[in-house]
Amino acid sequence: MRPIVVAAVLLSGIAFASSASAQTAAQTRAQNVALCGDHAPEKAIEGCTAIIAAGGDKAMSLFDAHFNRGLALAQKNQHGKAIADYDVAAKMRPKDAALLQSRCWSKAVSGRLTQALQDCNASLALNPKDPDTLEIRGFTYRKMRNFARSIADYDAALELRPDAASTLFGRGVTKHDMGVYDDAQADLTAARKLDAKVDARYTLIGVHR
């Protein structure tokens, strides 16, 4: 009977080790999900990359992992890599307004203006009164030198959200480009009162005023 007792002890040890290993793996997965949703881009990229490598997770789909990693990469101004993640996510969910808006932004900053406009238009078709998408399309039209449409989008965004510093700043920059300097200065001053760092945020994407 002794070998059976030894075998039983060994088997219980294996079962315990297996249980501990499963618990550790579950904790790691939970940590990766939490990281993937973190506001700090480096942490989000780390967590999302792990989830993508694992083929997704019950608590976070591959769509969310690619989308979140794209957002984190965009925060770091790595828009080419962000677009690659958005493209993967778009194959899974092609009519997601938030995804289309985010890809529009990265494409606009990257100079892929026609494609950016297509994404913003598609996003607005799904969610016509989103002030962020209207602002991004206004930014895109400004880069295309279509100032009338740029101002129209900024105006529409400000009707929905009057105290948006970035929208006021974007409209001010567009008005300055048009030569409407007094109105431009009024928008820029109002934007800076609302957000003292608004100039710095625009400088990151190559806009100076």
N, C-alpha and C. Protein backbone atom coordinates (compact mmCIF):
# COMPACT_ATOMS: atom_id res chain seq x y z
N MET A 1 0.82 -1.22 0.00
CA MET A 1 0.00 0.00 0.00
C MET A 1 0.85 1.25 0.00
N ARG A 2 2.12 1.12 0.44
CA ARG A 2 2.96 2.31 0.61
C ARG A 2 3.15 3.09 -0.70
N PRO A 3 3.42 2.38 -1.83
CA PRO A 3 3.58 3.12 -3.08
C PRO A 3 2.34 3.94 -3.45
N ILE A 4 1.16 3.38 -3.12
CA ILE A 4 -0.07 4.10 -3.43
C ILE A 4 -0.15 5.38 -2.63
N VAL A 5 0.25 5.32 -1.35
CA VAL A 5 0.24 6.51 -0.51
C VAL A 5 1.20 7.55 -1.07
N VAL A 6 2.40 7.08 -1.46
CA VAL A 6 3.39 8.00 -2.05
C VAL A 6 2.84 8.63 -3.32
N ALA A 7 2.22 7.79 -4.17
CA ALA A 7 1.64 8.30 -5.42
C ALA A 7 0.56 9.32 -5.14
N ALA A 8 -0.24 9.06 -4.10
CA ALA A 8 -1.31 9.99 -3.76
C ALA A 8 -0.74 11.32 -3.31
N VAL A 9 0.33 11.25 -2.52
CA VAL A 9 0.98 12.48 -2.06
C VAL A 9 1.55 13.26 -3.24
N LEU A 10 2.19 12.51 -4.17
CA LEU A 10 2.77 13.16 -5.34
C LEU A 10 1.69 13.81 -6.21
N LEU A 11 0.60 13.08 -6.39
CA LEU A 11 -0.49 13.61 -7.21
C LEU A 11 -1.11 14.85 -6.60
N SER A 12 -1.24 14.84 -5.25
CA SER A 12 -1.80 16.02 -4.60
C SER A 12 -0.87 17.21 -4.76
N GLY A 13 0.44 16.91 -4.76
CA GLY A 13 1.42 17.99 -4.98
C GLY A 13 1.31 18.56 -6.38
N ILE A 14 1.13 17.67 -7.36
CA ILE A 14 0.97 18.12 -8.74
C ILE A 14 -0.30 18.96 -8.89
N ALA A 15 -1.37 18.50 -8.26
CA ALA A 15 -2.65 19.22 -8.33
C ALA A 15 -2.51 20.60 -7.71
N PHE A 16 -1.79 20.66 -6.57
CA PHE A 16 -1.59 21.96 -5.90
C PHE A 16 -0.78 22.90 -6.78
N ALA A 17 0.29 22.34 -7.38
CA ALA A 17 1.14 23.16 -8.25
C ALA A 17 0.35 23.66 -9.45
N SER A 18 -0.49 22.77 -10.03
CA SER A 18 -1.31 23.14 -11.18
C SER A 18 -2.29 24.24 -10.80
N SER A 19 -2.90 24.11 -9.62
CA SER A 19 -3.85 25.11 -9.15
C SER A 19 -3.17 26.47 -8.94
N ALA A 20 -1.97 26.41 -8.34
CA ALA A 20 -1.23 27.65 -8.09
C ALA A 20 -0.83 28.31 -9.40
N SER A 21 -0.43 27.46 -10.38
CA SER A 21 -0.04 27.98 -11.69
C SER A 21 -1.23 28.64 -12.39
N ALA A 22 -2.40 28.01 -12.30
CA ALA A 22 -3.60 28.56 -12.91
C ALA A 22 -3.98 29.89 -12.26
N GLN A 23 -3.81 29.93 -10.92
CA GLN A 23 -4.14 31.16 -10.20
C GLN A 23 -3.20 32.29 -10.61
N THR A 24 -1.91 31.96 -10.75
CA THR A 24 -0.93 32.97 -11.18
C THR A 24 -1.24 33.46 -12.59
N ALA A 25 -1.59 32.53 -13.48
CA ALA A 25 -1.93 32.90 -14.86
C ALA A 25 -3.16 33.82 -14.89
N ALA A 26 -4.15 33.49 -14.05
CA ALA A 26 -5.37 34.32 -13.99
C ALA A 26 -5.05 35.72 -13.48
N GLN A 27 -4.15 35.79 -12.47
CA GLN A 27 -3.75 37.09 -11.94
C GLN A 27 -3.01 37.91 -12.99
N THR A 28 -2.15 37.22 -13.76
CA THR A 28 -1.41 37.90 -14.82
C THR A 28 -2.35 38.44 -15.88
N ARG A 29 -3.36 37.63 -16.25
CA ARG A 29 -4.34 38.08 -17.24
C ARG A 29 -5.11 39.29 -16.73
N ALA A 30 -5.50 39.24 -15.47
CA ALA A 30 -6.24 40.36 -14.87
C ALA A 30 -5.37 41.62 -14.86
N GLN A 31 -4.09 41.45 -14.55
CA GLN A 31 -3.17 42.59 -14.54
C GLN A 31 -3.03 43.18 -15.94
N ASN A 32 -2.95 42.32 -16.94
CA ASN A 32 -2.81 42.79 -18.32
C ASN A 32 -4.06 43.56 -18.78
N VAL A 33 -5.23 43.06 -18.37
CA VAL A 33 -6.48 43.76 -18.71
C VAL A 33 -6.50 45.14 -18.07
N ALA A 34 -6.09 45.20 -16.79
CA ALA A 34 -6.04 46.49 -16.10
C ALA A 34 -5.04 47.43 -16.76
N LEU A 35 -3.88 46.90 -17.12
CA LEU A 35 -2.86 47.73 -17.78
C LEU A 35 -3.35 48.25 -19.12
N CYS A 36 -4.02 47.38 -19.87
CA CYS A 36 -4.48 47.76 -21.21
C CYS A 36 -5.46 48.92 -21.17
N GLY A 37 -6.15 49.08 -20.04
CA GLY A 37 -7.08 50.19 -19.89
C GLY A 37 -6.49 51.37 -19.14
N ASP A 38 -5.18 51.33 -18.89
CA ASP A 38 -4.54 52.39 -18.09
C ASP A 38 -4.39 53.67 -18.92
N HIS A 39 -4.44 54.81 -18.23
CA HIS A 39 -4.28 56.10 -18.91
C HIS A 39 -2.82 56.39 -19.28
N ALA A 40 -1.89 55.74 -18.60
CA ALA A 40 -0.48 55.92 -18.94
C ALA A 40 -0.17 55.09 -20.19
N PRO A 41 0.26 55.72 -21.27
CA PRO A 41 0.39 54.98 -22.55
C PRO A 41 1.35 53.81 -22.50
N GLU A 42 2.47 53.95 -21.77
CA GLU A 42 3.44 52.85 -21.72
C GLU A 42 2.82 51.60 -21.09
N LYS A 43 2.08 51.81 -20.00
CA LYS A 43 1.42 50.68 -19.33
C LYS A 43 0.35 50.07 -20.23
N ALA A 44 -0.42 50.92 -20.91
CA ALA A 44 -1.48 50.42 -21.79
C ALA A 44 -0.89 49.59 -22.92
N ILE A 45 0.19 50.07 -23.50
CA ILE A 45 0.82 49.33 -24.60
C ILE A 45 1.31 47.98 -24.11
N GLU A 46 1.92 47.94 -22.93
CA GLU A 46 2.41 46.67 -22.37
C GLU A 46 1.28 45.68 -22.16
N GLY A 47 0.20 46.13 -21.51
CA GLY A 47 -0.91 45.24 -21.22
C GLY A 47 -1.64 44.78 -22.47
N CYS A 48 -1.91 45.70 -23.37
CA CYS A 48 -2.63 45.35 -24.60
C CYS A 48 -1.81 44.40 -25.47
N THR A 49 -0.51 44.64 -25.54
CA THR A 49 0.36 43.76 -26.34
C THR A 49 0.32 42.33 -25.80
N ALA A 50 0.31 42.19 -24.48
CA ALA A 50 0.24 40.85 -23.88
C ALA A 50 -1.10 40.18 -24.20
N ILE A 51 -2.17 40.93 -24.15
CA ILE A 51 -3.49 40.38 -24.45
C ILE A 51 -3.57 39.96 -25.92
N ILE A 52 -3.03 40.79 -26.80
CA ILE A 52 -3.03 40.47 -28.24
C ILE A 52 -2.21 39.21 -28.50
N ALA A 53 -1.06 39.11 -27.84
CA ALA A 53 -0.20 37.93 -28.00
C ALA A 53 -0.90 36.65 -27.53
N ALA A 54 -1.77 36.81 -26.53
CA ALA A 54 -2.51 35.66 -25.99
C ALA A 54 -3.77 35.34 -26.77
N GLY A 55 -4.07 36.15 -27.77
CA GLY A 55 -5.27 35.90 -28.58
C GLY A 55 -6.55 36.42 -27.97
N GLY A 56 -6.42 37.40 -27.07
CA GLY A 56 -7.60 37.98 -26.43
C GLY A 56 -7.83 37.42 -25.04
N ASP A 57 -8.84 37.90 -24.38
CA ASP A 57 -9.15 37.49 -23.02
C ASP A 57 -10.65 37.60 -22.81
N LYS A 58 -11.19 36.80 -21.89
CA LYS A 58 -12.63 36.86 -21.62
C LYS A 58 -13.06 38.26 -21.18
N ALA A 59 -12.16 38.94 -20.45
CA ALA A 59 -12.49 40.27 -19.94
C ALA A 59 -12.17 41.39 -20.92
N MET A 60 -11.46 41.07 -22.00
CA MET A 60 -11.13 42.10 -23.00
C MET A 60 -10.93 41.45 -24.36
N SER A 61 -11.71 41.89 -25.33
CA SER A 61 -11.64 41.31 -26.67
C SER A 61 -10.40 41.81 -27.41
N LEU A 62 -10.07 41.15 -28.50
CA LEU A 62 -8.97 41.60 -29.34
C LEU A 62 -9.28 42.98 -29.93
N PHE A 63 -10.55 43.24 -30.22
CA PHE A 63 -10.93 44.57 -30.72
C PHE A 63 -10.52 45.64 -29.71
N ASP A 64 -10.91 45.45 -28.46
CA ASP A 64 -10.59 46.44 -27.43
C ASP A 64 -9.08 46.57 -27.22
N ALA A 65 -8.37 45.45 -27.27
CA ALA A 65 -6.93 45.48 -27.07
C ALA A 65 -6.23 46.27 -28.18
N HIS A 66 -6.63 46.02 -29.42
CA HIS A 66 -6.03 46.77 -30.54
C HIS A 66 -6.44 48.25 -30.50
N PHE A 67 -7.69 48.50 -30.18
CA PHE A 67 -8.18 49.88 -30.11
C PHE A 67 -7.44 50.64 -29.01
N ASN A 68 -7.37 50.05 -27.82
CA ASN A 68 -6.71 50.71 -26.70
C ASN A 68 -5.22 50.93 -26.97
N ARG A 69 -4.59 49.94 -27.60
CA ARG A 69 -3.16 50.12 -27.90
C ARG A 69 -2.97 51.22 -28.94
N GLY A 70 -3.90 51.30 -29.89
CA GLY A 70 -3.84 52.38 -30.86
C GLY A 70 -3.96 53.75 -30.19
N LEU A 71 -4.88 53.87 -29.25
CA LEU A 71 -5.04 55.13 -28.52
C LEU A 71 -3.77 55.50 -27.75
N ALA A 72 -3.16 54.49 -27.12
CA ALA A 72 -1.94 54.73 -26.35
C ALA A 72 -0.79 55.15 -27.27
N LEU A 73 -0.68 54.50 -28.41
CA LEU A 73 0.37 54.86 -29.38
C LEU A 73 0.16 56.27 -29.92
N ALA A 74 -1.10 56.64 -30.14
CA ALA A 74 -1.41 57.99 -30.61
C ALA A 74 -1.01 59.03 -29.56
N GLN A 75 -1.22 58.69 -28.27
CA GLN A 75 -0.80 59.58 -27.20
C GLN A 75 0.69 59.85 -27.25
N LYS A 76 1.45 58.87 -27.71
CA LYS A 76 2.90 59.01 -27.81
C LYS A 76 3.32 59.54 -29.18
N ASN A 77 2.34 60.02 -29.95
CA ASN A 77 2.58 60.55 -31.30
C ASN A 77 3.18 59.51 -32.25
N GLN A 78 2.89 58.24 -32.00
CA GLN A 78 3.30 57.17 -32.91
C GLN A 78 2.10 56.80 -33.77
N HIS A 79 1.72 57.74 -34.62
CA HIS A 79 0.44 57.61 -35.32
C HIS A 79 0.44 56.51 -36.39
N GLY A 80 1.60 56.25 -36.99
CA GLY A 80 1.65 55.17 -37.97
C GLY A 80 1.32 53.83 -37.33
N LYS A 81 1.91 53.57 -36.16
CA LYS A 81 1.64 52.33 -35.44
C LYS A 81 0.20 52.31 -34.93
N ALA A 82 -0.29 53.48 -34.51
CA ALA A 82 -1.68 53.56 -34.04
C ALA A 82 -2.64 53.18 -35.16
N ILE A 83 -2.40 53.70 -36.35
CA ILE A 83 -3.27 53.41 -37.50
C ILE A 83 -3.27 51.91 -37.80
N ALA A 84 -2.11 51.27 -37.67
CA ALA A 84 -2.03 49.82 -37.92
C ALA A 84 -2.94 49.06 -36.96
N ASP A 85 -2.97 49.47 -35.68
CA ASP A 85 -3.87 48.83 -34.72
C ASP A 85 -5.32 49.15 -35.03
N TYR A 86 -5.61 50.40 -35.37
CA TYR A 86 -6.98 50.77 -35.71
C TYR A 86 -7.47 49.97 -36.92
N ASP A 87 -6.59 49.75 -37.88
CA ASP A 87 -6.97 48.99 -39.08
C ASP A 87 -7.38 47.56 -38.71
N VAL A 88 -6.62 46.95 -37.81
CA VAL A 88 -6.97 45.58 -37.36
C VAL A 88 -8.32 45.60 -36.65
N ALA A 89 -8.50 46.58 -35.76
CA ALA A 89 -9.76 46.68 -35.03
C ALA A 89 -10.94 46.94 -35.97
N ALA A 90 -10.70 47.74 -37.01
CA ALA A 90 -11.78 48.09 -37.95
C ALA A 90 -12.25 46.87 -38.74
N LYS A 91 -11.38 45.90 -38.95
CA LYS A 91 -11.79 44.68 -39.64
C LYS A 91 -12.78 43.89 -38.78
N MET A 92 -12.65 44.02 -37.46
CA MET A 92 -13.54 43.32 -36.55
C MET A 92 -14.85 44.08 -36.34
N ARG A 93 -14.75 45.41 -36.35
CA ARG A 93 -15.93 46.23 -36.09
C ARG A 93 -15.86 47.49 -36.96
N PRO A 94 -16.27 47.37 -38.23
CA PRO A 94 -16.06 48.46 -39.18
C PRO A 94 -16.93 49.70 -38.96
N LYS A 95 -17.98 49.57 -38.19
CA LYS A 95 -18.88 50.71 -37.99
C LYS A 95 -18.87 51.19 -36.54
N ASP A 96 -17.70 51.27 -35.98
CA ASP A 96 -17.56 51.80 -34.63
C ASP A 96 -17.17 53.27 -34.73
N ALA A 97 -18.06 54.15 -34.30
CA ALA A 97 -17.87 55.60 -34.48
C ALA A 97 -16.62 56.10 -33.76
N ALA A 98 -16.38 55.61 -32.55
CA ALA A 98 -15.21 56.07 -31.78
C ALA A 98 -13.91 55.64 -32.44
N LEU A 99 -13.89 54.42 -32.96
CA LEU A 99 -12.70 53.93 -33.66
C LEU A 99 -12.43 54.76 -34.91
N LEU A 100 -13.47 55.01 -35.69
CA LEU A 100 -13.32 55.80 -36.91
C LEU A 100 -12.83 57.22 -36.59
N GLN A 101 -13.35 57.78 -35.50
CA GLN A 101 -12.91 59.12 -35.09
C GLN A 101 -11.42 59.11 -34.74
N SER A 102 -11.00 58.12 -33.97
CA SER A 102 -9.59 58.03 -33.56
C SER A 102 -8.67 57.83 -34.75
N ARG A 103 -9.10 57.00 -35.70
CA ARG A 103 -8.27 56.78 -36.88
C ARG A 103 -8.22 58.03 -37.75
N CYS A 104 -9.33 58.77 -37.79
CA CYS A 104 -9.36 60.04 -38.51
C CYS A 104 -8.30 60.98 -37.95
N TRP A 105 -8.23 61.07 -36.62
CA TRP A 105 -7.26 61.96 -35.98
C TRP A 105 -5.83 61.58 -36.34
N SER A 106 -5.50 60.30 -36.20
CA SER A 106 -4.14 59.86 -36.49
C SER A 106 -3.78 60.07 -37.95
N LYS A 107 -4.72 59.83 -38.84
CA LYS A 107 -4.46 60.04 -40.26
C LYS A 107 -4.30 61.52 -40.57
N ALA A 108 -5.10 62.37 -39.93
CA ALA A 108 -5.00 63.81 -40.16
C ALA A 108 -3.65 64.34 -39.70
N VAL A 109 -3.23 63.92 -38.51
CA VAL A 109 -1.92 64.36 -37.98
C VAL A 109 -0.80 63.85 -38.87
N SER A 110 -0.98 62.66 -39.45
CA SER A 110 0.05 62.05 -40.31
C SER A 110 0.05 62.61 -41.73
N GLY A 111 -0.93 63.45 -42.05
CA GLY A 111 -1.00 64.04 -43.39
C GLY A 111 -1.76 63.21 -44.41
N ARG A 112 -2.41 62.15 -43.94
CA ARG A 112 -3.22 61.33 -44.85
C ARG A 112 -4.64 61.91 -44.86
N LEU A 113 -4.76 63.07 -45.47
CA LEU A 113 -5.93 63.91 -45.26
C LEU A 113 -7.20 63.38 -45.91
N THR A 114 -7.09 62.88 -47.12
CA THR A 114 -8.28 62.34 -47.80
C THR A 114 -8.84 61.15 -47.03
N GLN A 115 -7.96 60.26 -46.60
CA GLN A 115 -8.39 59.10 -45.82
C GLN A 115 -8.95 59.54 -44.47
N ALA A 116 -8.32 60.55 -43.87
CA ALA A 116 -8.83 61.06 -42.60
C ALA A 116 -10.25 61.58 -42.75
N LEU A 117 -10.48 62.32 -43.80
CA LEU A 117 -11.81 62.88 -44.05
C LEU A 117 -12.84 61.77 -44.22
N GLN A 118 -12.47 60.71 -44.90
CA GLN A 118 -13.39 59.58 -45.08
C GLN A 118 -13.78 58.98 -43.73
N ASP A 119 -12.80 58.84 -42.84
CA ASP A 119 -13.07 58.26 -41.53
C ASP A 119 -13.94 59.19 -40.68
N CYS A 120 -13.63 60.48 -40.70
CA CYS A 120 -14.44 61.43 -39.94
C CYS A 120 -15.88 61.47 -40.46
N ASN A 121 -16.04 61.46 -41.77
CA ASN A 121 -17.38 61.46 -42.35
C ASN A 121 -18.15 60.20 -41.96
N ALA A 122 -17.46 59.07 -41.99
CA ALA A 122 -18.12 57.81 -41.60
C ALA A 122 -18.50 57.82 -40.13
N SER A 123 -17.64 58.38 -39.28
CA SER A 123 -17.93 58.47 -37.86
C SER A 123 -19.12 59.39 -37.60
N LEU A 124 -19.15 60.52 -38.29
CA LEU A 124 -20.26 61.47 -38.11
C LEU A 124 -21.57 60.94 -38.67
N ALA A 125 -21.51 60.08 -39.67
CA ALA A 125 -22.73 59.46 -40.18
C ALA A 125 -23.37 58.58 -39.10
N LEU A 126 -22.52 58.01 -38.24
CA LEU A 126 -23.00 57.16 -37.14
C LEU A 126 -23.35 57.98 -35.90
N ASN A 127 -22.65 59.08 -35.70
CA ASN A 127 -22.85 59.92 -34.51
C ASN A 127 -22.70 61.39 -34.92
N PRO A 128 -23.75 61.97 -35.50
CA PRO A 128 -23.65 63.28 -36.15
C PRO A 128 -23.31 64.44 -35.21
N LYS A 129 -23.59 64.31 -33.93
CA LYS A 129 -23.40 65.44 -33.02
C LYS A 129 -22.28 65.19 -32.02
N ASP A 130 -21.23 64.57 -32.49
CA ASP A 130 -20.08 64.37 -31.62
C ASP A 130 -19.13 65.55 -31.80
N PRO A 131 -18.94 66.38 -30.76
CA PRO A 131 -18.11 67.58 -30.91
C PRO A 131 -16.64 67.26 -31.19
N ASP A 132 -16.15 66.14 -30.66
CA ASP A 132 -14.75 65.77 -30.89
C ASP A 132 -14.51 65.47 -32.37
N THR A 133 -15.42 64.71 -32.97
CA THR A 133 -15.25 64.36 -34.38
C THR A 133 -15.39 65.60 -35.26
N LEU A 134 -16.32 66.48 -34.91
CA LEU A 134 -16.46 67.73 -35.66
C LEU A 134 -15.18 68.56 -35.57
N GLU A 135 -14.60 68.60 -34.38
CA GLU A 135 -13.34 69.35 -34.21
C GLU A 135 -12.22 68.73 -35.04
N ILE A 136 -12.13 67.41 -35.01
CA ILE A 136 -11.07 66.73 -35.77
C ILE A 136 -11.27 66.96 -37.27
N ARG A 137 -12.52 66.91 -37.73
CA ARG A 137 -12.75 67.17 -39.15
C ARG A 137 -12.43 68.62 -39.49
N GLY A 138 -12.72 69.55 -38.56
CA GLY A 138 -12.33 70.94 -38.77
C GLY A 138 -10.83 71.09 -38.90
N PHE A 139 -10.10 70.36 -38.07
CA PHE A 139 -8.64 70.35 -38.13
C PHE A 139 -8.17 69.81 -39.48
N THR A 140 -8.83 68.74 -39.94
CA THR A 140 -8.48 68.11 -41.22
C THR A 140 -8.72 69.08 -42.37
N TYR A 141 -9.88 69.73 -42.37
CA TYR A 141 -10.18 70.69 -43.44
C TYR A 141 -9.19 71.85 -43.43
N ARG A 142 -8.77 72.28 -42.25
CA ARG A 142 -7.77 73.36 -42.20
C ARG A 142 -6.48 72.93 -42.88
N LYS A 143 -6.04 71.69 -42.60
CA LYS A 143 -4.82 71.20 -43.22
C LYS A 143 -4.98 71.07 -44.74
N MET A 144 -6.22 70.88 -45.18
CA MET A 144 -6.50 70.80 -46.62
C MET A 144 -6.69 72.20 -47.23
N ARG A 145 -6.57 73.22 -46.39
CA ARG A 145 -6.74 74.63 -46.80
C ARG A 145 -8.18 74.93 -47.21
N ASN A 146 -9.12 74.13 -46.74
CA ASN A 146 -10.54 74.38 -46.98
C ASN A 146 -11.07 75.09 -45.74
N PHE A 147 -10.78 76.38 -45.64
CA PHE A 147 -11.03 77.12 -44.41
C PHE A 147 -12.52 77.30 -44.10
N ALA A 148 -13.33 77.46 -45.13
CA ALA A 148 -14.77 77.66 -44.89
C ALA A 148 -15.37 76.44 -44.19
N ARG A 149 -15.03 75.25 -44.67
CA ARG A 149 -15.57 74.03 -44.05
C ARG A 149 -14.94 73.79 -42.68
N SER A 150 -13.69 74.18 -42.55
CA SER A 150 -13.03 74.05 -41.25
C SER A 150 -13.76 74.89 -40.20
N ILE A 151 -14.03 76.15 -40.52
CA ILE A 151 -14.73 77.05 -39.60
C ILE A 151 -16.13 76.53 -39.30
N ALA A 152 -16.80 76.02 -40.32
CA ALA A 152 -18.16 75.49 -40.13
C ALA A 152 -18.16 74.33 -39.13
N ASP A 153 -17.16 73.46 -39.22
CA ASP A 153 -17.09 72.34 -38.27
C ASP A 153 -16.72 72.81 -36.87
N TYR A 154 -15.80 73.75 -36.77
CA TYR A 154 -15.45 74.28 -35.45
C TYR A 154 -16.67 74.99 -34.83
N ASP A 155 -17.41 75.74 -35.64
CA ASP A 155 -18.62 76.41 -35.12
C ASP A 155 -19.63 75.39 -34.60
N ALA A 156 -19.83 74.33 -35.38
CA ALA A 156 -20.79 73.30 -34.99
C ALA A 156 -20.35 72.61 -33.70
N ALA A 157 -19.04 72.35 -33.58
CA ALA A 157 -18.53 71.72 -32.36
C ALA A 157 -18.71 72.63 -31.15
N LEU A 158 -18.49 73.93 -31.35
CA LEU A 158 -18.61 74.87 -30.23
C LEU A 158 -20.07 75.11 -29.83
N GLU A 159 -20.98 74.93 -30.75
CA GLU A 159 -22.40 74.99 -30.37
C GLU A 159 -22.75 73.87 -29.41
N LEU A 160 -22.12 72.73 -29.61
CA LEU A 160 -22.38 71.57 -28.75
C LEU A 160 -21.58 71.64 -27.46
N ARG A 161 -20.40 72.27 -27.52
CA ARG A 161 -19.52 72.33 -26.35
C ARG A 161 -18.78 73.68 -26.38
N PRO A 162 -19.41 74.74 -25.86
CA PRO A 162 -18.89 76.10 -26.02
C PRO A 162 -17.55 76.37 -25.34
N ASP A 163 -17.24 75.65 -24.27
CA ASP A 163 -16.03 75.95 -23.50
C ASP A 163 -14.89 74.97 -23.79
N ALA A 164 -14.80 74.50 -25.00
CA ALA A 164 -13.73 73.57 -25.38
C ALA A 164 -12.51 74.36 -25.85
N ALA A 165 -11.45 74.35 -25.04
CA ALA A 165 -10.27 75.15 -25.35
C ALA A 165 -9.63 74.73 -26.67
N SER A 166 -9.53 73.42 -26.90
CA SER A 166 -8.86 72.96 -28.12
C SER A 166 -9.63 73.37 -29.37
N THR A 167 -10.97 73.38 -29.28
CA THR A 167 -11.79 73.77 -30.44
C THR A 167 -11.64 75.27 -30.71
N LEU A 168 -11.68 76.06 -29.65
CA LEU A 168 -11.48 77.51 -29.80
C LEU A 168 -10.10 77.80 -30.38
N PHE A 169 -9.11 77.09 -29.91
CA PHE A 169 -7.75 77.30 -30.41
C PHE A 169 -7.67 76.93 -31.88
N GLY A 170 -8.25 75.78 -32.23
CA GLY A 170 -8.23 75.36 -33.63
C GLY A 170 -8.93 76.35 -34.54
N ARG A 171 -10.07 76.87 -34.07
CA ARG A 171 -10.77 77.87 -34.88
C ARG A 171 -9.95 79.16 -34.99
N GLY A 172 -9.29 79.52 -33.88
CA GLY A 172 -8.45 80.71 -33.91
C GLY A 172 -7.31 80.58 -34.90
N VAL A 173 -6.68 79.42 -34.93
CA VAL A 173 -5.58 79.18 -35.87
C VAL A 173 -6.09 79.26 -37.31
N THR A 174 -7.26 78.69 -37.55
CA THR A 174 -7.84 78.72 -38.90
C THR A 174 -8.16 80.16 -39.31
N LYS A 175 -8.74 80.93 -38.40
CA LYS A 175 -9.05 82.33 -38.70
C LYS A 175 -7.77 83.13 -38.98
N HIS A 176 -6.71 82.82 -38.24
CA HIS A 176 -5.43 83.49 -38.49
C HIS A 176 -4.92 83.17 -39.89
N ASP A 177 -5.04 81.89 -40.28
CA ASP A 177 -4.63 81.49 -41.63
C ASP A 177 -5.44 82.22 -42.70
N MET A 178 -6.69 82.55 -42.37
CA MET A 178 -7.57 83.26 -43.31
C MET A 178 -7.28 84.76 -43.34
N GLY A 179 -6.50 85.23 -42.37
CA GLY A 179 -6.21 86.67 -42.30
C GLY A 179 -7.21 87.45 -41.47
N VAL A 180 -8.07 86.75 -40.74
CA VAL A 180 -9.07 87.42 -39.88
C VAL A 180 -8.44 87.52 -38.48
N TYR A 181 -7.51 88.45 -38.34
CA TYR A 181 -6.62 88.43 -37.18
C TYR A 181 -7.30 88.80 -35.86
N ASP A 182 -8.19 89.76 -35.87
CA ASP A 182 -8.85 90.15 -34.61
C ASP A 182 -9.71 89.02 -34.06
N ASP A 183 -10.51 88.42 -34.93
CA ASP A 183 -11.34 87.29 -34.50
C ASP A 183 -10.47 86.12 -34.07
N ALA A 184 -9.36 85.91 -34.78
CA ALA A 184 -8.45 84.83 -34.43
C ALA A 184 -7.89 85.04 -33.02
N GLN A 185 -7.47 86.27 -32.73
CA GLN A 185 -6.90 86.55 -31.42
C GLN A 185 -7.92 86.37 -30.31
N ALA A 186 -9.17 86.72 -30.58
CA ALA A 186 -10.23 86.55 -29.58
C ALA A 186 -10.40 85.07 -29.24
N ASP A 187 -10.39 84.19 -30.25
CA ASP A 187 -10.52 82.75 -30.01
C ASP A 187 -9.30 82.21 -29.27
N LEU A 188 -8.11 82.63 -29.69
CA LEU A 188 -6.89 82.13 -29.07
C LEU A 188 -6.80 82.56 -27.60
N THR A 189 -7.18 83.79 -27.33
CA THR A 189 -7.15 84.29 -25.95
C THR A 189 -8.14 83.53 -25.08
N ALA A 190 -9.34 83.31 -25.61
CA ALA A 190 -10.36 82.55 -24.86
C ALA A 190 -9.89 81.13 -24.59
N ALA A 191 -9.25 80.52 -25.58
CA ALA A 191 -8.75 79.15 -25.41
C ALA A 191 -7.69 79.09 -24.32
N ARG A 192 -6.79 80.06 -24.31
CA ARG A 192 -5.70 80.06 -23.32
C ARG A 192 -6.21 80.32 -21.90
N LYS A 193 -7.29 81.06 -21.79
CA LYS A 193 -7.89 81.27 -20.47
C LYS A 193 -8.49 79.98 -19.93
N LEU A 194 -9.03 79.18 -20.83
CA LEU A 194 -9.63 77.91 -20.43
C LEU A 194 -8.58 76.83 -20.15
N ASP A 195 -7.48 76.89 -20.90
CA ASP A 195 -6.44 75.86 -20.77
C ASP A 195 -5.09 76.50 -21.07
N ALA A 196 -4.31 76.72 -20.03
CA ALA A 196 -3.01 77.38 -20.18
C ALA A 196 -2.02 76.55 -20.99
N LYS A 197 -2.30 75.26 -21.15
CA LYS A 197 -1.39 74.37 -21.87
C LYS A 197 -1.84 74.08 -23.30
N VAL A 198 -2.84 74.80 -23.77
CA VAL A 198 -3.39 74.48 -25.09
C VAL A 198 -2.36 74.70 -26.19
N ASP A 199 -1.51 75.73 -26.07
CA ASP A 199 -0.47 75.93 -27.08
C ASP A 199 0.46 74.73 -27.16
N ALA A 200 0.85 74.23 -26.00
CA ALA A 200 1.77 73.09 -25.95
C ALA A 200 1.16 71.86 -26.60
N ARG A 201 -0.14 71.66 -26.38
CA ARG A 201 -0.81 70.49 -26.96
C ARG A 201 -0.80 70.58 -28.49
N TYR A 202 -1.03 71.76 -29.01
CA TYR A 202 -1.02 71.92 -30.47
C TYR A 202 0.39 71.87 -31.04
N THR A 203 1.37 72.34 -30.26
CA THR A 203 2.76 72.28 -30.72
C THR A 203 3.19 70.84 -30.95
N LEU A 204 2.68 69.91 -30.14
CA LEU A 204 3.03 68.49 -30.29
C LEU A 204 2.63 67.95 -31.66
N ILE A 205 1.61 68.53 -32.26
CA ILE A 205 1.17 68.05 -33.58
C ILE A 205 1.57 69.02 -34.69
N GLY A 206 2.53 69.90 -34.37
CA GLY A 206 3.11 70.76 -35.40
C GLY A 206 2.33 72.02 -35.71
N VAL A 207 1.44 72.44 -34.80
CA VAL A 207 0.67 73.67 -35.01
C VAL A 207 1.19 74.72 -34.05
N HIS A 208 1.64 75.84 -34.59
CA HIS A 208 2.18 76.93 -33.78
C HIS A 208 1.41 78.21 -34.06
N ARG A 209 1.12 78.96 -33.02
CA ARG A 209 0.50 80.26 -33.23
C ARG A 209 0.92 81.19 -32.10
